[in-house]
Amino acid sequence: MKKGTLWGIVIAVILIGISVIAGQYNSLVKLEETVKAQRGQVESVYQRRADLIPNIVATVKGEAAFEQETLRQVVEARASATQMKIDANNAQDFVKFQAAQGELSQALGRLMMLTENYPSLKANQAFSDLRVQLEGSENRIAVERMNYNKVVGKYNIKLRSFPTNLIAKWLGFERANLFEATTGSEVAPVVAF
């Protein structure tokens, strides 16, 4: 084989290798950015829910001689959930974020169950509107978390597939964290009438 042909083959192999690496890298970047965008959507609907809470608490306080401990728990859970700054790629931060959001969901659930004991509150149109908005926010949260987990699943599969896994490890890409069910959510709350 001639020296020129050998160099041509070497250069072709190098160019193909660079093209494969560049393609895999670009694919990972696109998926990683999609994960970040979807995480932003989840955080946005969590914020929407958090923004409703002061109005709900004010309406409940105004209508009922309400259990102050429950209101305090809701306000504290909201403060904890909204003040948290997380690095979603840090598994411990992500678990803390999920726990704070779970505590807020549980506190709101207790508040909504207790409001059933106050007919004047149930008849209050402002409270009814806020309750509907809160239920809508909870539904949006569930949908956005599901969408986030789908995107993360695609990203993590790509990250673990050969030969992308070698390139990803070499370039420092890390697995994204999934949202998981809140501890205790598998058991339905007991509501006494």
Protein backbone atom coordinates (compact mmCIF):
# COMPACT_ATOMS: atom_id res chain seq x y z
CA MET A 1 0.00 0.00 0.00
CA LYS A 2 1.29 3.43 -0.86
CA LYS A 3 2.18 5.92 1.82
CA GLY A 4 -0.35 8.48 0.49
CA THR A 5 -3.19 5.95 0.61
CA LEU A 6 -2.28 4.99 4.18
CA TRP A 7 -2.33 8.65 5.25
CA GLY A 8 -5.67 9.09 3.51
CA ILE A 9 -7.14 6.16 5.45
CA VAL A 10 -5.73 7.46 8.76
CA ILE A 11 -7.14 10.93 8.11
CA ALA A 12 -10.53 9.45 7.10
CA VAL A 13 -10.67 7.35 10.30
CA ILE A 14 -9.75 10.39 12.41
CA LEU A 15 -12.42 12.52 10.71
CA ILE A 16 -15.04 9.80 11.19
CA GLY A 17 -14.05 9.51 14.87
CA ILE A 18 -14.30 13.27 15.35
CA SER A 19 -17.68 13.30 13.60
CA VAL A 20 -19.02 10.52 15.84
CA ILE A 21 -17.78 12.27 18.99
CA ALA A 22 -19.18 15.62 17.85
CA GLY A 23 -22.54 14.05 16.98
CA GLN A 24 -22.80 12.28 20.33
CA TYR A 25 -21.72 15.41 22.18
CA ASN A 26 -24.30 17.57 20.39
CA SER A 27 -26.98 14.99 21.08
CA LEU A 28 -26.12 14.94 24.79
CA VAL A 29 -26.07 18.74 24.98
CA LYS A 30 -29.50 18.92 23.34
CA LEU A 31 -30.95 16.36 25.75
CA GLU A 32 -29.29 18.01 28.76
CA GLU A 33 -30.77 21.38 27.80
CA THR A 34 -34.18 19.75 27.35
CA VAL A 35 -33.87 18.32 30.88
CA LYS A 36 -32.99 21.78 32.24
CA ALA A 37 -35.92 23.39 30.42
CA GLN A 38 -38.34 20.78 31.71
CA ARG A 39 -36.97 21.16 35.25
CA GLY A 40 -37.67 24.88 34.88
CA GLN A 41 -41.27 24.03 33.98
CA VAL A 42 -41.60 21.91 37.13
CA GLU A 43 -40.14 24.69 39.27
CA SER A 44 -42.51 27.17 37.62
CA VAL A 45 -45.63 25.20 38.54
CA TYR A 46 -44.29 24.69 42.07
CA GLN A 47 -43.85 28.47 42.28
CA ARG A 48 -47.39 29.02 41.00
CA ARG A 49 -48.69 26.81 43.80
CA ALA A 50 -46.53 28.62 46.36
CA ASP A 51 -47.89 31.97 45.15
CA LEU A 52 -51.46 30.83 45.87
CA ILE A 53 -50.74 29.91 49.48
CA PRO A 54 -50.70 33.43 51.03
CA ASN A 55 -54.14 34.11 49.53
CA ILE A 56 -55.49 30.78 50.76
CA VAL A 57 -54.11 31.33 54.27
CA ALA A 58 -55.51 34.89 54.39
CA THR A 59 -58.94 33.71 53.22
CA VAL A 60 -59.00 30.87 55.73
CA LYS A 61 -57.91 33.17 58.58
CA GLY A 62 -60.60 35.67 57.65
CA GLU A 63 -63.41 33.12 57.50
CA ALA A 64 -62.79 30.74 60.34
CA ALA A 65 -61.46 30.51 63.83
CA PHE A 66 -59.09 28.05 62.31
CA GLU A 67 -56.55 25.68 63.76
CA GLN A 68 -53.50 27.93 63.95
CA GLU A 69 -51.04 25.03 64.03
CA THR A 70 -52.14 23.86 60.58
CA LEU A 71 -51.85 27.38 59.15
CA ARG A 72 -48.38 27.73 60.70
CA GLN A 73 -47.30 24.42 59.15
CA VAL A 74 -48.50 25.53 55.71
CA VAL A 75 -46.71 28.89 55.96
CA GLU A 76 -43.48 27.27 57.21
CA ALA A 77 -43.58 24.54 54.55
CA ARG A 78 -44.09 27.20 51.86
CA ALA A 79 -41.15 29.22 53.19
CA SER A 80 -38.94 26.14 53.25
CA ALA A 81 -39.93 25.08 49.74
CA THR A 82 -39.53 28.50 48.13
CA GLN A 83 -36.26 29.52 49.81
CA MET A 84 -34.40 26.41 48.71
CA LYS A 85 -31.82 26.89 45.98
CA ILE A 86 -30.83 23.59 44.45
CA ASP A 87 -28.38 22.14 42.03
CA ALA A 88 -30.55 19.52 40.36
CA ASN A 89 -27.46 17.54 39.37
CA ASN A 90 -26.60 17.17 43.05
CA ALA A 91 -28.56 14.14 44.26
CA GLN A 92 -28.68 15.33 47.88
CA ASP A 93 -30.00 18.79 46.92
CA PHE A 94 -32.56 17.19 44.66
CA VAL A 95 -33.78 14.90 47.47
CA LYS A 96 -34.04 17.89 49.83
CA PHE A 97 -36.02 19.82 47.20
CA GLN A 98 -38.41 16.90 46.73
CA ALA A 99 -38.81 16.53 50.50
CA ALA A 100 -39.61 20.24 50.94
CA GLN A 101 -42.19 20.11 48.16
CA GLY A 102 -43.64 16.93 49.68
CA GLU A 103 -43.97 18.59 53.09
CA LEU A 104 -45.76 21.52 51.47
CA SER A 105 -48.15 19.15 49.67
CA GLN A 106 -48.90 17.32 52.91
CA ALA A 107 -49.49 20.56 54.84
CA LEU A 108 -51.83 21.82 52.12
CA GLY A 109 -53.65 18.48 52.15
CA ARG A 110 -54.22 18.76 55.91
CA LEU A 111 -55.43 22.34 55.49
CA MET A 112 -57.89 21.37 52.76
CA MET A 113 -59.22 18.46 54.85
CA LEU A 114 -59.76 20.75 57.85
CA THR A 115 -61.62 23.34 55.77
CA GLU A 116 -64.38 20.75 55.28
CA ASN A 117 -65.44 21.46 58.89
CA TYR A 118 -66.26 25.10 58.10
CA PRO A 119 -69.44 25.55 56.02
CA SER A 120 -68.98 29.34 55.85
CA LEU A 121 -65.54 28.80 54.35
CA LYS A 122 -66.82 26.29 51.80
CA ALA A 123 -69.50 28.82 50.79
CA ASN A 124 -66.93 31.62 50.34
CA GLN A 125 -66.50 32.19 46.58
CA ALA A 126 -62.95 33.53 46.92
CA PHE A 127 -61.91 30.39 48.80
CA SER A 128 -63.66 28.16 46.26
CA ASP A 129 -61.82 29.92 43.43
CA LEU A 130 -58.49 29.56 45.24
CA ARG A 131 -59.17 25.89 45.93
CA VAL A 132 -59.89 25.27 42.24
CA GLN A 133 -56.68 27.09 41.31
CA LEU A 134 -54.74 25.02 43.85
CA GLU A 135 -56.20 21.79 42.47
CA GLY A 136 -55.24 22.95 38.98
CA SER A 137 -51.71 23.67 40.20
CA GLU A 138 -51.44 20.22 41.75
CA ASN A 139 -52.54 18.68 38.45
CA ARG A 140 -49.99 20.79 36.54
CA ILE A 141 -47.28 19.70 38.97
CA ALA A 142 -48.13 16.05 38.36
CA VAL A 143 -48.10 16.52 34.58
CA GLU A 144 -44.85 18.52 34.53
CA ARG A 145 -43.12 16.04 36.85
CA MET A 146 -44.21 13.22 34.54
CA ASN A 147 -42.92 15.14 31.50
CA TYR A 148 -39.65 15.86 33.31
CA ASN A 149 -39.19 12.19 34.19
CA LYS A 150 -39.79 11.21 30.54
CA VAL A 151 -37.12 13.64 29.33
CA VAL A 152 -34.71 12.52 32.06
CA GLY A 153 -35.35 8.90 31.10
CA LYS A 154 -34.38 9.59 27.48
CA TYR A 155 -31.30 11.53 28.58
CA ASN A 156 -30.16 8.86 31.04
CA ILE A 157 -30.70 6.07 28.48
CA LYS A 158 -28.62 7.98 25.94
CA LEU A 159 -25.97 8.61 28.58
CA ARG A 160 -25.68 4.91 29.42
CA SER A 161 -25.78 3.59 25.84
CA PHE A 162 -22.62 2.52 24.04
CA PRO A 163 -20.59 4.34 22.67
CA THR A 164 -22.19 7.47 24.11
CA ASN A 165 -21.40 6.32 27.65
CA LEU A 166 -17.67 6.47 26.90
CA ILE A 167 -17.93 9.91 25.36
CA ALA A 168 -20.22 11.17 28.15
CA LYS A 169 -17.85 9.99 30.85
CA TRP A 170 -14.88 11.51 29.04
CA LEU A 171 -16.70 14.85 28.64
CA GLY A 172 -18.14 14.93 32.19
CA PHE A 173 -21.85 14.41 31.57
CA GLU A 174 -23.74 13.05 34.59
CA ARG A 175 -27.04 11.28 35.05
CA ALA A 176 -30.03 13.48 35.85
CA ASN A 177 -32.22 12.80 38.88
CA LEU A 178 -35.82 11.66 38.57
CA PHE A 179 -38.69 13.00 40.63
CA GLU A 180 -39.94 10.25 42.89
CA ALA A 181 -43.16 9.84 44.83
CA THR A 182 -43.23 11.54 48.21
CA THR A 183 -42.64 9.19 51.11
CA GLY A 184 -46.00 8.04 52.43
CA SER A 185 -47.90 9.00 49.27
CA GLU A 186 -48.70 5.35 48.61
CA VAL A 187 -51.11 5.45 51.60
CA ALA A 188 -54.32 7.44 51.15
CA PRO A 189 -55.10 9.88 53.98
CA VAL A 190 -57.97 9.00 56.31
CA VAL A 191 -60.78 11.55 56.12
CA ALA A 192 -63.41 11.44 58.86
CA PHE A 193 -66.82 13.01 58.25
